[in-house]
C-alpha atoms as a PDB file:
ATOM      1  CA  MET A   1       4.966   0.841  -7.866  1.00  0.00           C
ATOM      2  CA  LYS A   2       8.202  -0.853  -6.926  1.00  0.00           C
ATOM      3  CA  ASP A   3       8.375  -3.783  -4.514  1.00  0.00           C
ATOM      4  CA  LYS A   4       4.759  -4.756  -5.202  1.00  0.00           C
ATOM      5  CA  VAL A   5       3.031  -7.136  -2.806  1.00  0.00           C
ATOM      6  CA  LYS A   6       0.040  -9.022  -4.192  1.00  0.00           C
ATOM      7  CA  LEU A   7      -3.009  -9.159  -1.930  1.00  0.00           C
ATOM      8  CA  THR A   8      -6.106 -11.318  -1.787  1.00  0.00           C
ATOM      9  CA  VAL A   9      -9.380 -10.498  -0.054  1.00  0.00           C
ATOM     10  CA  LEU A  10      -9.599 -12.654   3.063  1.00  0.00           C
ATOM     11  CA  GLY A  11     -12.885 -11.324   4.417  1.00  0.00           C
ATOM     12  CA  PHE A  12     -14.200  -8.923   7.027  1.00  0.00           C
ATOM     13  CA  SER A  13     -13.582  -8.249  10.673  1.00  0.00           C
ATOM     14  CA  PHE A  14     -15.930  -6.080  12.691  1.00  0.00           C
ATOM     15  CA  ASN A  15     -14.424  -2.707  13.499  1.00  0.00           C
ATOM     16  CA  GLN A  16     -15.235  -2.205  17.161  1.00  0.00           C
ATOM     17  CA  ASN A  17     -13.911   1.371  17.215  1.00  0.00           C
ATOM     18  CA  LYS A  18     -16.279   2.745  14.559  1.00  0.00           C
ATOM     19  CA  THR A  19     -19.986   2.078  14.343  1.00  0.00           C
ATOM     20  CA  GLY A  20     -21.135   1.224  10.833  1.00  0.00           C
ATOM     21  CA  ALA A  21     -17.631   0.350   9.691  1.00  0.00           C
ATOM     22  CA  TYR A  22     -15.969  -2.949   8.917  1.00  0.00           C
ATOM     23  CA  GLY A  23     -12.371  -3.995   8.602  1.00  0.00           C
ATOM     24  CA  LEU A  24     -11.665  -5.410   5.160  1.00  0.00           C
ATOM     25  CA  VAL A  25      -8.865  -7.936   5.660  1.00  0.00           C
ATOM     26  CA  LEU A  26      -6.419  -8.242   2.779  1.00  0.00           C
ATOM     27  CA  ALA A  27      -3.902 -11.071   2.953  1.00  0.00           C
ATOM     28  CA  GLU A  28      -0.423 -11.096   1.480  1.00  0.00           C
ATOM     29  CA  GLU A  29      -0.448 -13.792  -1.189  1.00  0.00           C
ATOM     30  CA  GLY A  30       1.874 -16.570  -0.101  1.00  0.00           C
ATOM     31  CA  GLY A  31       2.712 -14.715   3.122  1.00  0.00           C
ATOM     32  CA  ILE A  32       1.538 -14.259   6.673  1.00  0.00           C
ATOM     33  CA  ARG A  33       0.957 -10.500   6.766  1.00  0.00           C
ATOM     34  CA  ARG A  34      -2.523  -8.971   6.761  1.00  0.00           C
ATOM     35  CA  LEU A  35      -3.638  -5.457   5.928  1.00  0.00           C
ATOM     36  CA  MET A  36      -6.813  -4.054   7.487  1.00  0.00           C
ATOM     37  CA  VAL A  37      -8.749  -1.384   5.557  1.00  0.00           C
ATOM     38  CA  VAL A  38     -11.737   0.294   7.217  1.00  0.00           C
ATOM     39  CA  VAL A  39     -14.773   0.426   4.919  1.00  0.00           C
ATOM     40  CA  GLY A  40     -18.320   1.667   5.408  1.00  0.00           C
ATOM     41  CA  THR A  41     -21.401  -0.526   5.489  1.00  0.00           C
ATOM     42  CA  PRO A  42     -22.549   0.048   1.859  1.00  0.00           C
ATOM     43  CA  GLU A  43     -19.075  -0.734   0.509  1.00  0.00           C
ATOM     44  CA  ALA A  44     -18.763  -3.782   2.783  1.00  0.00           C
ATOM     45  CA  GLN A  45     -22.162  -4.966   1.610  1.00  0.00           C
ATOM     46  CA  SER A  46     -21.178  -4.625  -2.051  1.00  0.00           C
ATOM     47  CA  ILE A  47     -17.924  -6.538  -1.489  1.00  0.00           C
ATOM     48  CA  ALA A  48     -19.745  -9.170   0.572  1.00  0.00           C
ATOM     49  CA  PHE A  49     -22.293  -9.808  -2.193  1.00  0.00           C
ATOM     50  CA  GLN A  50     -19.400 -10.520  -4.550  1.00  0.00           C
ATOM     51  CA  LEU A  51     -17.499 -12.704  -2.063  1.00  0.00           C
ATOM     52  CA  GLN A  52     -20.646 -14.702  -1.328  1.00  0.00           C
ATOM     53  CA  GLY A  53     -21.390 -15.121  -5.005  1.00  0.00           C
ATOM     54  CA  THR A  54     -24.878 -13.776  -4.302  1.00  0.00           C
ATOM     55  CA  PRO A  55     -26.097 -11.483  -7.064  1.00  0.00           C
ATOM     56  CA  PRO A  56     -27.835  -8.403  -5.699  1.00  0.00           C
ATOM     57  CA  PRO A  57     -31.407  -7.894  -6.867  1.00  0.00           C
ATOM     58  CA  ARG A  58     -30.348  -4.759  -8.759  1.00  0.00           C
ATOM     59  CA  PRO A  59     -26.852  -3.759  -9.905  1.00  0.00           C
ATOM     60  CA  LEU A  60     -24.924  -1.980  -7.177  1.00  0.00           C
ATOM     61  CA  THR A  61     -22.621   0.916  -8.036  1.00  0.00           C
ATOM     62  CA  HIS A  62     -19.618  -1.387  -8.483  1.00  0.00           C
ATOM     63  CA  ASP A  63     -21.674  -3.661 -10.746  1.00  0.00           C
ATOM     64  CA  LEU A  64     -22.812  -0.680 -12.810  1.00  0.00           C
ATOM     65  CA  LEU A  65     -19.284   0.605 -13.308  1.00  0.00           C
ATOM     66  CA  CYS A  66     -18.000  -2.849 -14.276  1.00  0.00           C
ATOM     67  CA  ASN A  67     -20.895  -3.292 -16.719  1.00  0.00           C
ATOM     68  CA  ILE A  68     -19.944   0.011 -18.378  1.00  0.00           C
ATOM     69  CA  LEU A  69     -16.256  -0.961 -18.527  1.00  0.00           C
ATOM     70  CA  ASN A  70     -17.146  -4.314 -20.084  1.00  0.00           C
ATOM     71  CA  LYS A  71     -19.509  -2.748 -22.658  1.00  0.00           C
ATOM     72  CA  PHE A  72     -16.704  -0.470 -23.856  1.00  0.00           C
ATOM     73  CA  ARG A  73     -14.117  -3.274 -23.668  1.00  0.00           C
ATOM     74  CA  ILE A  74     -12.084  -1.476 -21.035  1.00  0.00           C
ATOM     75  CA  SER A  75     -10.107  -3.832 -18.835  1.00  0.00           C
ATOM     76  CA  VAL A  76      -8.885  -3.276 -15.317  1.00  0.00           C
ATOM     77  CA  ILE A  77      -5.215  -4.225 -15.317  1.00  0.00           C
ATOM     78  CA  GLU A  78      -4.656  -3.931 -11.580  1.00  0.00           C
ATOM     79  CA  ILE A  79      -5.399  -2.073  -8.381  1.00  0.00           C
ATOM     80  CA  ASN A  80      -2.622  -0.392  -6.401  1.00  0.00           C
ATOM     81  CA  ILE A  81      -3.008   0.639  -2.777  1.00  0.00           C
ATOM     82  CA  TYR A  82      -0.145   3.096  -2.927  1.00  0.00           C
ATOM     83  CA  LYS A  83      -0.366   5.386   0.107  1.00  0.00           C
ATOM     84  CA  TYR A  84      -1.564   5.642   3.693  1.00  0.00           C
ATOM     85  CA  SER A  85      -2.062   9.019   5.342  1.00  0.00           C
ATOM     86  CA  ASP A  86      -4.091  10.187   8.348  1.00  0.00           C
ATOM     87  CA  GLY A  87      -5.891   6.856   8.692  1.00  0.00           C
ATOM     88  CA  VAL A  88      -6.846   6.600   5.008  1.00  0.00           C
ATOM     89  CA  PHE A  89      -5.540   4.260   2.303  1.00  0.00           C
ATOM     90  CA  TYR A  90      -5.207   5.717  -1.201  1.00  0.00           C
ATOM     91  CA  SER A  91      -5.635   3.565  -4.299  1.00  0.00           C
ATOM     92  CA  LYS A  92      -5.380   3.749  -8.065  1.00  0.00           C
ATOM     93  CA  ILE A  93      -7.167   1.651 -10.655  1.00  0.00           C
ATOM     94  CA  PHE A  94      -5.122   0.994 -13.795  1.00  0.00           C
ATOM     95  CA  ILE A  95      -7.358   0.605 -16.831  1.00  0.00           C
ATOM     96  CA  LYS A  96      -6.655  -0.239 -20.466  1.00  0.00           C
ATOM     97  CA  SER A  97      -8.681   0.659 -23.529  1.00  0.00           C
ATOM     98  CA  GLY A  98      -7.080  -0.508 -26.749  1.00  0.00           C
ATOM     99  CA  LEU A  99      -3.436   0.544 -26.498  1.00  0.00           C
ATOM    100  CA  TYR A 100      -4.200   3.340 -24.044  1.00  0.00           C
ATOM    101  CA  ILE A 101      -3.426   2.734 -20.350  1.00  0.00           C
ATOM    102  CA  THR A 102      -4.296   5.206 -17.636  1.00  0.00           C
ATOM    103  CA  GLU A 103      -4.724   5.335 -13.883  1.00  0.00           C
ATOM    104  CA  VAL A 104      -7.749   6.568 -11.970  1.00  0.00           C
ATOM    105  CA  GLU A 105      -7.705   7.636  -8.328  1.00  0.00           C
ATOM    106  CA  SER A 106     -10.174   5.651  -6.194  1.00  0.00           C
ATOM    107  CA  ARG A 107     -11.255   4.937  -2.672  1.00  0.00           C
ATOM    108  CA  THR A 108      -9.714   1.637  -1.669  1.00  0.00           C
ATOM    109  CA  SER A 109     -13.103   0.074  -0.924  1.00  0.00           C
ATOM    110  CA  ASP A 110     -14.320   0.937  -4.434  1.00  0.00           C
ATOM    111  CA  ALA A 111     -11.092  -0.297  -6.019  1.00  0.00           C
ATOM    112  CA  VAL A 112     -11.407  -3.644  -4.224  1.00  0.00           C
ATOM    113  CA  GLY A 113     -15.098  -3.962  -5.146  1.00  0.00           C
ATOM    114  CA  ILE A 114     -14.211  -3.396  -8.799  1.00  0.00           C
ATOM    115  CA  ALA A 115     -11.150  -5.680  -8.703  1.00  0.00           C
ATOM    116  CA  LEU A 116     -13.251  -8.562  -7.375  1.00  0.00           C
ATOM    117  CA  ARG A 117     -15.803  -8.150 -10.148  1.00  0.00           C
ATOM    118  CA  MET A 118     -13.206  -7.745 -12.905  1.00  0.00           C
ATOM    119  CA  ASN A 119     -10.914 -10.523 -11.593  1.00  0.00           C
ATOM    120  CA  SER A 120      -8.076  -8.007 -11.369  1.00  0.00           C
ATOM    121  CA  PRO A 121      -5.054  -8.311  -9.092  1.00  0.00           C
ATOM    122  CA  ILE A 122      -4.709  -6.094  -6.032  1.00  0.00           C
ATOM    123  CA  TYR A 123      -1.283  -4.808  -4.983  1.00  0.00           C
ATOM    124  CA  THR A 124       0.280  -2.648  -2.333  1.00  0.00           C
ATOM    125  CA  SER A 125       3.877  -1.670  -1.642  1.00  0.00           C
ATOM    126  CA  GLU A 126       6.364  -3.476   0.555  1.00  0.00           C
ATOM    127  CA  GLU A 127       6.725  -0.217   2.490  1.00  0.00           C
ATOM    128  CA  ILE A 128       3.012  -0.170   3.376  1.00  0.00           C
ATOM    129  CA  MET A 129       3.101  -3.845   4.381  1.00  0.00           C
ATOM    130  CA  GLN A 130       6.152  -3.264   6.586  1.00  0.00           C
ATOM    131  CA  GLU A 131       4.567  -0.246   8.234  1.00  0.00           C
ATOM    132  CA  LEU A 132       0.930  -1.365   8.529  1.00  0.00           C
ATOM    133  CA  GLY A 133       0.850  -5.106   7.946  1.00  0.00           C
ATOM    134  CA  VAL A 134      -0.108  -7.311  10.872  1.00  0.00           C
ATOM    135  CA  VAL A 135       1.555 -10.681  11.352  1.00  0.00           C
ATOM    136  CA  PHE A 136      -0.354 -13.426  13.124  1.00  0.00           C
ATOM    137  CA  ASP A 137       1.193 -16.464  14.750  1.00  0.00           C
ATOM    138  CA  ASN A 138       0.961 -19.801  13.003  1.00  0.00           C
ATOM    139  CA  ASP A 139      -2.142 -20.223  15.164  1.00  0.00           C
ATOM    140  CA  GLU A 140      -4.360 -17.625  13.511  1.00  0.00           C
ATOM    141  CA  SER A 141      -7.204 -18.308  15.909  1.00  0.00           C
ATOM    142  CA  GLN A 142      -7.816 -14.625  16.647  1.00  0.00           C
ATOM    143  CA  ILE A 143      -8.213 -13.543  13.032  1.00  0.00           C
ATOM    144  CA  GLU A 144     -10.224 -16.657  12.206  1.00  0.00           C
ATOM    145  CA  LYS A 145     -12.487 -15.941  15.160  1.00  0.00           C
ATOM    146  CA  ASP A 146     -13.055 -12.323  14.112  1.00  0.00           C
ATOM    147  CA  THR A 147     -12.938 -12.671  10.331  1.00  0.00           C
ATOM    148  CA  TYR A 148     -15.570 -13.958   7.974  1.00  0.00           C
ATOM    149  CA  ASN A 149     -13.709 -15.696   5.172  1.00  0.00           C
ATOM    150  CA  ASN A 150     -15.043 -16.464   1.705  1.00  0.00           C
ATOM    151  CA  ASP A 151     -16.356 -19.887   2.707  1.00  0.00           C
ATOM    152  CA  ASN A 152     -18.244 -18.682   5.751  1.00  0.00           C
ATOM    153  CA  LEU A 153     -18.982 -15.042   5.025  1.00  0.00           C
ATOM    154  CA  ASN A 154     -21.805 -14.092   7.299  1.00  0.00           C
ATOM    155  CA  LEU A 155     -21.489 -10.308   7.135  1.00  0.00           C
ATOM    156  CA  PRO A 156     -24.703  -8.816   8.447  1.00  0.00           C
ATOM    157  CA  LEU A 157     -25.760  -7.122   5.247  1.00  0.00           C
ATOM    158  CA  ASP A 158     -28.046  -4.156   5.671  1.00  0.00           C
ATOM    159  CA  TYR A 159     -31.154  -5.689   4.155  1.00  0.00           C
ATOM    160  CA  SER A 160     -33.185  -2.743   5.430  1.00  0.00           C
ATOM    161  CA  LEU A 161     -31.927  -0.823   2.381  1.00  0.00           C
ATOM    162  CA  LEU A 162     -33.737  -3.238   0.073  1.00  0.00           C
ATOM    163  CA  GLU A 163     -37.411  -3.300  -0.845  1.00  0.00           C
ATOM    164  CA  ILE A 164     -39.656  -6.274  -0.028  1.00  0.00           C
ATOM    165  CA  LYS A 165     -39.809  -7.326  -3.715  1.00  0.00           C
ATOM    166  CA  GLU A 166     -36.007  -7.338  -3.877  1.00  0.00           C
ATOM    167  CA  LEU A 167     -35.797  -9.387  -0.687  1.00  0.00           C
ATOM    168  CA  GLU A 168     -38.341 -11.866  -2.027  1.00  0.00           C
ATOM    169  CA  ALA A 169     -36.319 -12.272  -5.252  1.00  0.00           C
ATOM    170  CA  MET A 170     -33.158 -12.822  -3.225  1.00  0.00           C
ATOM    171  CA  LEU A 171     -34.972 -15.366  -1.049  1.00  0.00           C
ATOM    172  CA  VAL A 172     -36.032 -17.378  -4.109  1.00  0.00           C
ATOM    173  CA  ASN A 173     -32.462 -17.259  -5.439  1.00  0.00           C
ATOM    174  CA  ALA A 174     -31.007 -18.368  -2.080  1.00  0.00           C
ATOM    175  CA  ILE A 175     -33.412 -21.313  -1.900  1.00  0.00           C
ATOM    176  CA  GLU A 176     -32.707 -22.318  -5.506  1.00  0.00           C
ATOM    177  CA  THR A 177     -28.952 -22.312  -4.834  1.00  0.00           C
ATOM    178  CA  GLU A 178     -29.553 -24.164  -1.537  1.00  0.00           C
ATOM    179  CA  ASP A 179     -27.997 -21.357   0.528  1.00  0.00           C
ATOM    180  CA  TYR A 180     -30.376 -21.930   3.410  1.00  0.00           C
ATOM    181  CA  GLU A 181     -28.414 -19.833   5.890  1.00  0.00           C
ATOM    182  CA  LEU A 182     -28.764 -16.773   3.652  1.00  0.00           C
ATOM    183  CA  ALA A 183     -32.403 -17.665   2.996  1.00  0.00           C
ATOM    184  CA  SER A 184     -33.136 -17.671   6.724  1.00  0.00           C
ATOM    185  CA  LEU A 185     -31.526 -14.227   7.146  1.00  0.00           C
ATOM    186  CA  ILE A 186     -33.612 -12.808   4.311  1.00  0.00           C
ATOM    187  CA  ARG A 187     -36.753 -14.525   5.606  1.00  0.00           C
ATOM    188  CA  ASP A 188     -36.150 -12.968   9.039  1.00  0.00           C
ATOM    189  CA  GLU A 189     -35.872  -9.493   7.490  1.00  0.00           C
ATOM    190  CA  ILE A 190     -39.118 -10.010   5.531  1.00  0.00           C
ATOM    191  CA  ASN A 191     -40.885 -11.264   8.668  1.00  0.00           C
ATOM    192  CA  LYS A 192     -39.592  -8.326  10.679  1.00  0.00           C
ATOM    193  CA  ARG A 193     -41.189  -5.918   8.226  1.00  0.00           C
ATOM    194  CA  THR A 194     -44.471  -7.739   7.706  1.00  0.00           C
ATOM    195  CA  ASN A 195     -45.043  -8.245  11.454  1.00  0.00           C
ATOM    196  CA  ILE A 196     -44.826  -4.513  12.214  1.00  0.00           C
END
């Protein structure tokens, strides 16, 4: 990809146009442009677990794939968000095994989830940034108001997908790591179920 622009994951913004969807905000490294990628709730939850540094009670799909890649000593060189068409971003994951390098087509949400876990860079093209990038004023109050960044990621994870035992294990972990805000969210979900 020529004219590559490196991106970092800034956080999430609620997508008010689509129920059950979130806007994944990718920031141009060293720049002021932002790229918004719509992702579903399960993908957002998987990315949020990684951004929060909160291990899920069981490996999620992205964790599983990364565990397999690591076992076979396959590295993820980079992620490229290379195309946008009909409201969808298209991405490729470049992987290396020994001397062999290949690319694998991927949903952008999956590519980002894997990149975060494998500490791999994320890129897009200058053309995509020029066409779809959003520039905020020096006062980024709007994006900061709507976006949950890495330090204050409070994405409402769908804890209803987890079993009580998994929630209890997460609660213990949150208390041990002194993440009391997360602990209170998990406690509320457990109470909601046990008070039914």
